[in-house]
């Protein structure tokens, strides 16, 4: 039995999309059905891996700020 690889499946789904299409996929997934969350996680992982340390820290700061609002 072959093992399902979520990262590879998500990558194959989005790899040929334009920037506009990728933006639409992300916007449509935000606040949507929780089934979209793993896909968003894979996309975030791609961004994280290609981001320099300063940008990663900025993302962490944004997340921390969001979690500690009001």
PDB file of N, CA and C in Angstrom:
ATOM      1  N   UNK A   1       0.852  -1.184   0.000  1.00  0.00           N
ATOM      2  CA  UNK A   1       0.000   0.000   0.000  1.00  0.00           C
ATOM      3  C   UNK A   1       0.895   1.244   0.000  1.00  0.00           C
ATOM      4  N   UNK A   2       0.648   2.166  -0.917  1.00  0.00           N
ATOM      5  CA  UNK A   2       1.464   3.374  -0.975  1.00  0.00           C
ATOM      6  C   UNK A   2       0.997   4.383   0.065  1.00  0.00           C
ATOM      7  N   UNK A   3       1.939   5.195   0.511  1.00  0.00           N
ATOM      8  CA  UNK A   3       1.659   6.186   1.543  1.00  0.00           C
ATOM      9  C   UNK A   3       1.244   7.494   0.882  1.00  0.00           C
ATOM     10  N   UNK A   4       0.168   8.098   1.365  1.00  0.00           N
ATOM     11  CA  UNK A   4      -0.312   9.377   0.851  1.00  0.00           C
ATOM     12  C   UNK A   4       0.564  10.484   1.413  1.00  0.00           C
ATOM     13  N   UNK A   5       1.079  11.339   0.549  1.00  0.00           N
ATOM     14  CA  UNK A   5       1.923  12.441   0.984  1.00  0.00           C
ATOM     15  C   UNK A   5       1.171  13.744   0.727  1.00  0.00           C
ATOM     16  N   UNK A   6       0.664  14.348   1.798  1.00  0.00           N
ATOM     17  CA  UNK A   6      -0.134  15.566   1.703  1.00  0.00           C
ATOM     18  C   UNK A   6       0.654  16.702   1.077  1.00  0.00           C
ATOM     19  N   UNK A   7       1.913  16.857   1.483  1.00  0.00           N
ATOM     20  CA  UNK A   7       2.732  17.937   0.930  1.00  0.00           C
ATOM     21  C   UNK A   7       2.832  17.829  -0.601  1.00  0.00           C
ATOM     22  N   UNK A   8       3.103  16.637  -1.071  1.00  0.00           N
ATOM     23  CA  UNK A   8       3.232  16.434  -2.518  1.00  0.00           C
ATOM     24  C   UNK A   8       1.905  16.678  -3.222  1.00  0.00           C
ATOM     25  N   UNK A   9       0.821  16.213  -2.631  1.00  0.00           N
ATOM     26  CA  UNK A   9      -0.495  16.391  -3.248  1.00  0.00           C
ATOM     27  C   UNK A   9      -0.851  17.869  -3.353  1.00  0.00           C
ATOM     28  N   UNK A  10      -0.644  18.636  -2.288  1.00  0.00           N
ATOM     29  CA  UNK A  10      -0.944  20.065  -2.304  1.00  0.00           C
ATOM     30  C   UNK A  10      -0.049  20.765  -3.321  1.00  0.00           C
ATOM     31  N   UNK A  11       1.228  20.416  -3.332  1.00  0.00           N
ATOM     32  CA  UNK A  11       2.168  21.023  -4.269  1.00  0.00           C
ATOM     33  C   UNK A  11       1.726  20.775  -5.709  1.00  0.00           C
ATOM     34  N   UNK A  12       1.311  19.565  -6.021  1.00  0.00           N
ATOM     35  CA  UNK A  12       0.872  19.242  -7.381  1.00  0.00           C
ATOM     36  C   UNK A  12      -0.378  20.041  -7.756  1.00  0.00           C
ATOM     37  N   UNK A  13      -1.263  20.248  -6.799  1.00  0.00           N
ATOM     38  CA  UNK A  13      -2.499  20.986  -7.072  1.00  0.00           C
ATOM     39  C   UNK A  13      -2.210  22.443  -7.413  1.00  0.00           C
ATOM     40  N   UNK A  14      -1.247  23.044  -6.734  1.00  0.00           N
ATOM     41  CA  UNK A  14      -1.027  24.488  -6.893  1.00  0.00           C
ATOM     42  C   UNK A  14       0.160  24.872  -7.768  1.00  0.00           C
ATOM     43  N   UNK A  15       1.000  23.940  -8.148  1.00  0.00           N
ATOM     44  CA  UNK A  15       2.263  24.297  -8.802  1.00  0.00           C
ATOM     45  C   UNK A  15       2.097  25.031 -10.123  1.00  0.00           C
ATOM     46  N   UNK A  16       1.060  24.798 -10.861  1.00  0.00           N
ATOM     47  CA  UNK A  16       0.895  25.456 -12.157  1.00  0.00           C
ATOM     48  C   UNK A  16      -0.064  26.646 -12.104  1.00  0.00           C
ATOM     49  N   UNK A  17      -0.415  27.081 -10.914  1.00  0.00           N
ATOM     50  CA  UNK A  17      -1.340  28.211 -10.753  1.00  0.00           C
ATOM     51  C   UNK A  17      -0.591  29.534 -10.904  1.00  0.00           C
ATOM     52  N   UNK A  18      -1.296  30.534 -11.410  1.00  0.00           N
ATOM     53  CA  UNK A  18      -0.725  31.881 -11.504  1.00  0.00           C
ATOM     54  C   UNK A  18      -0.747  32.509 -10.112  1.00  0.00           C
ATOM     55  N   UNK A  19      -0.065  33.649  -9.960  1.00  0.00           N
ATOM     56  CA  UNK A  19      -0.096  34.351  -8.675  1.00  0.00           C
ATOM     57  C   UNK A  19      -1.520  34.737  -8.313  1.00  0.00           C
ATOM     58  N   UNK A  20      -2.285  35.163  -9.297  1.00  0.00           N
ATOM     59  CA  UNK A  20      -3.683  35.538  -9.066  1.00  0.00           C
ATOM     60  C   UNK A  20      -4.489  34.340  -8.569  1.00  0.00           C
ATOM     61  N   UNK A  21      -4.291  33.200  -9.199  1.00  0.00           N
ATOM     62  CA  UNK A  21      -5.002  31.986  -8.794  1.00  0.00           C
ATOM     63  C   UNK A  21      -4.594  31.540  -7.403  1.00  0.00           C
ATOM     64  N   UNK A  22      -3.286  31.642  -7.093  1.00  0.00           N
ATOM     65  CA  UNK A  22      -2.826  31.275  -5.750  1.00  0.00           C
ATOM     66  C   UNK A  22      -3.468  32.182  -4.706  1.00  0.00           C
ATOM     67  N   UNK A  23      -3.528  33.478  -4.990  1.00  0.00           N
ATOM     68  CA  UNK A  23      -4.171  34.403  -4.071  1.00  0.00           C
ATOM     69  C   UNK A  23      -5.628  34.051  -3.853  1.00  0.00           C
ATOM     70  N   UNK A  24      -6.314  33.686  -4.916  1.00  0.00           N
ATOM     71  CA  UNK A  24      -7.722  33.305  -4.820  1.00  0.00           C
ATOM     72  C   UNK A  24      -7.894  32.039  -3.979  1.00  0.00           C
ATOM     73  N   UNK A  25      -7.011  31.065  -4.182  1.00  0.00           N
ATOM     74  CA  UNK A  25      -7.062  29.831  -3.396  1.00  0.00           C
ATOM     75  C   UNK A  25      -6.907  30.146  -1.912  1.00  0.00           C
ATOM     76  N   UNK A  26      -5.946  30.998  -1.588  1.00  0.00           N
ATOM     77  CA  UNK A  26      -5.706  31.354  -0.183  1.00  0.00           C
ATOM     78  C   UNK A  26      -6.895  32.107   0.380  1.00  0.00           C
ATOM     79  N   UNK A  27      -7.374  33.127  -0.346  1.00  0.00           N
ATOM     80  CA  UNK A  27      -8.523  33.909   0.143  1.00  0.00           C
ATOM     81  C   UNK A  27      -9.752  33.031   0.352  1.00  0.00           C
ATOM     82  N   UNK A  28      -9.990  32.107  -0.576  1.00  0.00           N
ATOM     83  CA  UNK A  28     -11.148  31.224  -0.468  1.00  0.00           C
ATOM     84  C   UNK A  28     -11.015  30.234   0.689  1.00  0.00           C
ATOM     85  N   UNK A  29      -9.787  29.922   1.075  1.00  0.00           N
ATOM     86  CA  UNK A  29      -9.547  28.958   2.143  1.00  0.00           C
ATOM     87  C   UNK A  29      -9.623  29.575   3.535  1.00  0.00           C
ATOM     88  N   UNK A  30      -9.347  30.876   3.630  1.00  0.00           N
ATOM     89  CA  UNK A  30      -9.359  31.562   4.927  1.00  0.00           C
ATOM     90  C   UNK A  30     -10.787  31.619   5.452  1.00  0.00           C
ATOM     91  N   UNK A  31     -10.977  31.278   6.714  1.00  0.00           N
ATOM     92  CA  UNK A  31     -12.281  31.267   7.374  1.00  0.00           C
ATOM     93  C   UNK A  31     -13.277  30.355   6.675  1.00  0.00           C
ATOM     94  N   UNK A  32     -12.788  29.381   5.979  1.00  0.00           N
ATOM     95  CA  UNK A  32     -13.617  28.427   5.254  1.00  0.00           C
ATOM     96  C   UNK A  32     -13.680  27.127   6.056  1.00  0.00           C
ATOM     97  N   UNK A  33     -14.111  26.091   5.406  1.00  0.00           N
ATOM     98  CA  UNK A  33     -14.174  24.769   6.011  1.00  0.00           C
ATOM     99  C   UNK A  33     -12.799  24.367   6.545  1.00  0.00           C
ATOM    100  N   UNK A  34     -12.762  23.746   7.697  1.00  0.00           N
ATOM    101  CA  UNK A  34     -11.484  23.355   8.315  1.00  0.00           C
ATOM    102  C   UNK A  34     -10.698  22.361   7.467  1.00  0.00           C
ATOM    103  N   UNK A  35     -11.323  21.760   6.485  1.00  0.00           N
ATOM    104  CA  UNK A  35     -10.605  20.839   5.603  1.00  0.00           C
ATOM    105  C   UNK A  35      -9.503  21.563   4.829  1.00  0.00           C
ATOM    106  N   UNK A  36      -9.624  22.892   4.688  1.00  0.00           N
ATOM    107  CA  UNK A  36      -8.626  23.666   3.958  1.00  0.00           C
ATOM    108  C   UNK A  36      -7.376  23.931   4.790  1.00  0.00           C
ATOM    109  N   UNK A  37      -7.452  23.783   6.099  1.00  0.00           N
ATOM    110  CA  UNK A  37      -6.330  24.132   6.973  1.00  0.00           C
ATOM    111  C   UNK A  37      -5.041  23.364   6.680  1.00  0.00           C
ATOM    112  N   UNK A  38      -5.095  22.064   6.444  1.00  0.00           N
ATOM    113  CA  UNK A  38      -3.831  21.377   6.122  1.00  0.00           C
ATOM    114  C   UNK A  38      -3.168  21.940   4.863  1.00  0.00           C
ATOM    115  N   UNK A  39      -3.964  22.278   3.860  1.00  0.00           N
ATOM    116  CA  UNK A  39      -3.408  22.855   2.641  1.00  0.00           C
ATOM    117  C   UNK A  39      -2.762  24.202   2.900  1.00  0.00           C
ATOM    118  N   UNK A  40      -3.412  25.026   3.720  1.00  0.00           N
ATOM    119  CA  UNK A  40      -2.829  26.313   4.082  1.00  0.00           C
ATOM    120  C   UNK A  40      -1.535  26.112   4.851  1.00  0.00           C
ATOM    121  N   UNK A  41      -1.498  25.084   5.678  1.00  0.00           N
ATOM    122  CA  UNK A  41      -0.276  24.778   6.424  1.00  0.00           C
ATOM    123  C   UNK A  41       0.872  24.418   5.499  1.00  0.00           C
ATOM    124  N   UNK A  42       0.580  23.651   4.460  1.00  0.00           N
ATOM    125  CA  UNK A  42       1.611  23.276   3.486  1.00  0.00           C
ATOM    126  C   UNK A  42       2.101  24.523   2.752  1.00  0.00           C
ATOM    127  N   UNK A  43       1.173  25.410   2.365  1.00  0.00           N
ATOM    128  CA  UNK A  43       1.567  26.636   1.678  1.00  0.00           C
ATOM    129  C   UNK A  43       2.397  27.525   2.596  1.00  0.00           C
ATOM    130  N   UNK A  44       2.006  27.618   3.868  1.00  0.00           N
ATOM    131  CA  UNK A  44       2.782  28.408   4.820  1.00  0.00           C
ATOM    132  C   UNK A  44       4.184  27.824   4.990  1.00  0.00           C
ATOM    133  N   UNK A  45       4.277  26.514   5.032  1.00  0.00           N
ATOM    134  CA  UNK A  45       5.581  25.864   5.166  1.00  0.00           C
ATOM    135  C   UNK A  45       6.491  26.240   3.990  1.00  0.00           C
ATOM    136  N   UNK A  46       5.929  26.307   2.784  1.00  0.00           N
ATOM    137  CA  UNK A  46       6.717  26.701   1.608  1.00  0.00           C
ATOM    138  C   UNK A  46       7.241  28.125   1.775  1.00  0.00           C
ATOM    139  N   UNK A  47       6.363  29.020   2.220  1.00  0.00           N
ATOM    140  CA  UNK A  47       6.761  30.413   2.440  1.00  0.00           C
ATOM    141  C   UNK A  47       7.841  30.487   3.510  1.00  0.00           C
ATOM    142  N   UNK A  48       7.637  29.783   4.605  1.00  0.00           N
ATOM    143  CA  UNK A  48       8.577  29.808   5.736  1.00  0.00           C
ATOM    144  C   UNK A  48       9.966  29.359   5.297  1.00  0.00           C
ATOM    145  N   UNK A  49      10.022  28.255   4.569  1.00  0.00           N
ATOM    146  CA  UNK A  49      11.314  27.699   4.164  1.00  0.00           C
ATOM    147  C   UNK A  49      12.083  28.628   3.232  1.00  0.00           C
ATOM    148  N   UNK A  50      11.369  29.438   2.459  1.00  0.00           N
ATOM    149  CA  UNK A  50      12.025  30.339   1.511  1.00  0.00           C
ATOM    150  C   UNK A  50      12.202  31.747   2.058  1.00  0.00           C
ATOM    151  N   UNK A  51      11.896  31.943   3.326  1.00  0.00           N
ATOM    152  CA  UNK A  51      11.998  33.282   3.919  1.00  0.00           C
ATOM    153  C   UNK A  51      13.282  33.410   4.735  1.00  0.00           C
ATOM    154  N   UNK A  52      13.945  34.563   4.624  1.00  0.00           N
ATOM    155  CA  UNK A  52      15.121  34.792   5.469  1.00  0.00           C
ATOM    156  C   UNK A  52      14.703  34.925   6.933  1.00  0.00           C
ATOM    157  N   UNK A  53      15.657  34.807   7.820  1.00  0.00           N
ATOM    158  CA  UNK A  53      15.369  34.823   9.264  1.00  0.00           C
ATOM    159  C   UNK A  53      14.599  36.064   9.686  1.00  0.00           C
ATOM    160  N   UNK A  54      14.928  37.220   9.131  1.00  0.00           N
ATOM    161  CA  UNK A  54      14.238  38.455   9.513  1.00  0.00           C
ATOM    162  C   UNK A  54      12.754  38.399   9.136  1.00  0.00           C
ATOM    163  N   UNK A  55      12.463  37.846   7.977  1.00  0.00           N
ATOM    164  CA  UNK A  55      11.066  37.729   7.548  1.00  0.00           C
ATOM    165  C   UNK A  55      10.324  36.699   8.408  1.00  0.00           C
ATOM    166  N   UNK A  56      11.005  35.595   8.746  1.00  0.00           N
ATOM    167  CA  UNK A  56      10.404  34.601   9.637  1.00  0.00           C
ATOM    168  C   UNK A  56      10.059  35.243  10.982  1.00  0.00           C
ATOM    169  N   UNK A  57      10.984  36.058  11.511  1.00  0.00           N
ATOM    170  CA  UNK A  57      10.727  36.716  12.795  1.00  0.00           C
ATOM    171  C   UNK A  57       9.547  37.670  12.686  1.00  0.00           C
ATOM    172  N   UNK A  58       9.426  38.349  11.549  1.00  0.00           N
ATOM    173  CA  UNK A  58       8.296  39.245  11.320  1.00  0.00           C
ATOM    174  C   UNK A  58       6.981  38.463  11.320  1.00  0.00           C
ATOM    175  N   UNK A  59       6.980  37.305  10.671  1.00  0.00           N
ATOM    176  CA  UNK A  59       5.784  36.466  10.655  1.00  0.00           C
ATOM    177  C   UNK A  59       5.425  35.991  12.064  1.00  0.00           C
ATOM    178  N   UNK A  60       6.431  35.598  12.822  1.00  0.00           N
ATOM    179  CA  UNK A  60       6.200  35.166  14.202  1.00  0.00           C
ATOM    180  C   UNK A  60       5.643  36.330  15.023  1.00  0.00           C
ATOM    181  N   UNK A  61       6.197  37.521  14.824  1.00  0.00           N
ATOM    182  CA  UNK A  61       5.706  38.702  15.531  1.00  0.00           C
ATOM    183  C   UNK A  61       4.256  39.006  15.196  1.00  0.00           C
ATOM    184  N   UNK A  62       3.891  38.884  13.906  1.00  0.00           N
ATOM    185  CA  UNK A  62       2.497  39.098  13.505  1.00  0.00           C
ATOM    186  C   UNK A  62       1.586  38.076  14.162  1.00  0.00           C
ATOM    187  N   UNK A  63       2.010  36.826  14.174  1.00  0.00           N
ATOM    188  CA  UNK A  63       1.201  35.784  14.801  1.00  0.00           C
ATOM    189  C   UNK A  63       1.057  36.035  16.292  1.00  0.00           C
ATOM    190  N   UNK A  64       2.144  36.365  16.940  1.00  0.00           N
ATOM    191  CA  UNK A  64       2.119  36.637  18.384  1.00  0.00           C
ATOM    192  C   UNK A  64       1.188  37.810  18.675  1.00  0.00           C
ATOM    193  N   UNK A  65       1.302  38.864  17.884  1.00  0.00           N
ATOM    194  CA  UNK A  65       0.427  40.014  18.066  1.00  0.00           C
ATOM    195  C   UNK A  65      -1.034  39.662  17.890  1.00  0.00           C
ATOM    196  N   UNK A  66      -1.320  38.839  16.899  1.00  0.00           N
ATOM    197  CA  UNK A  66      -2.710  38.419  16.653  1.00  0.00           C
ATOM    198  C   UNK A  66      -3.250  37.599  17.831  1.00  0.00           C
ATOM    199  N   UNK A  67      -2.420  36.739  18.365  1.00  0.00           N
ATOM    200  CA  UNK A  67      -2.857  35.874  19.466  1.00  0.00           C
ATOM    201  C   UNK A  67      -3.048  36.639  20.776  1.00  0.00           C
ATOM    202  N   UNK A  68      -2.415  37.803  20.895  1.00  0.00           N
ATOM    203  CA  UNK A  68      -2.472  38.558  22.147  1.00  0.00           C
ATOM    204  C   UNK A  68      -3.195  39.882  22.001  1.00  0.00           C
ATOM    205  N   UNK A  69      -4.114  39.980  21.038  1.00  0.00           N
ATOM    206  CA  UNK A  69      -4.928  41.191  20.872  1.00  0.00           C
ATOM    207  C   UNK A  69      -5.891  41.325  22.028  1.00  0.00           C
ATOM    208  N   UNK A  70      -6.148  42.586  22.381  1.00  0.00           N
ATOM    209  CA  UNK A  70      -7.152  42.993  23.346  1.00  0.00           C
ATOM    210  C   UNK A  70      -7.511  42.015  24.337  1.00  0.00           C
TER     211      UNK A  70
END
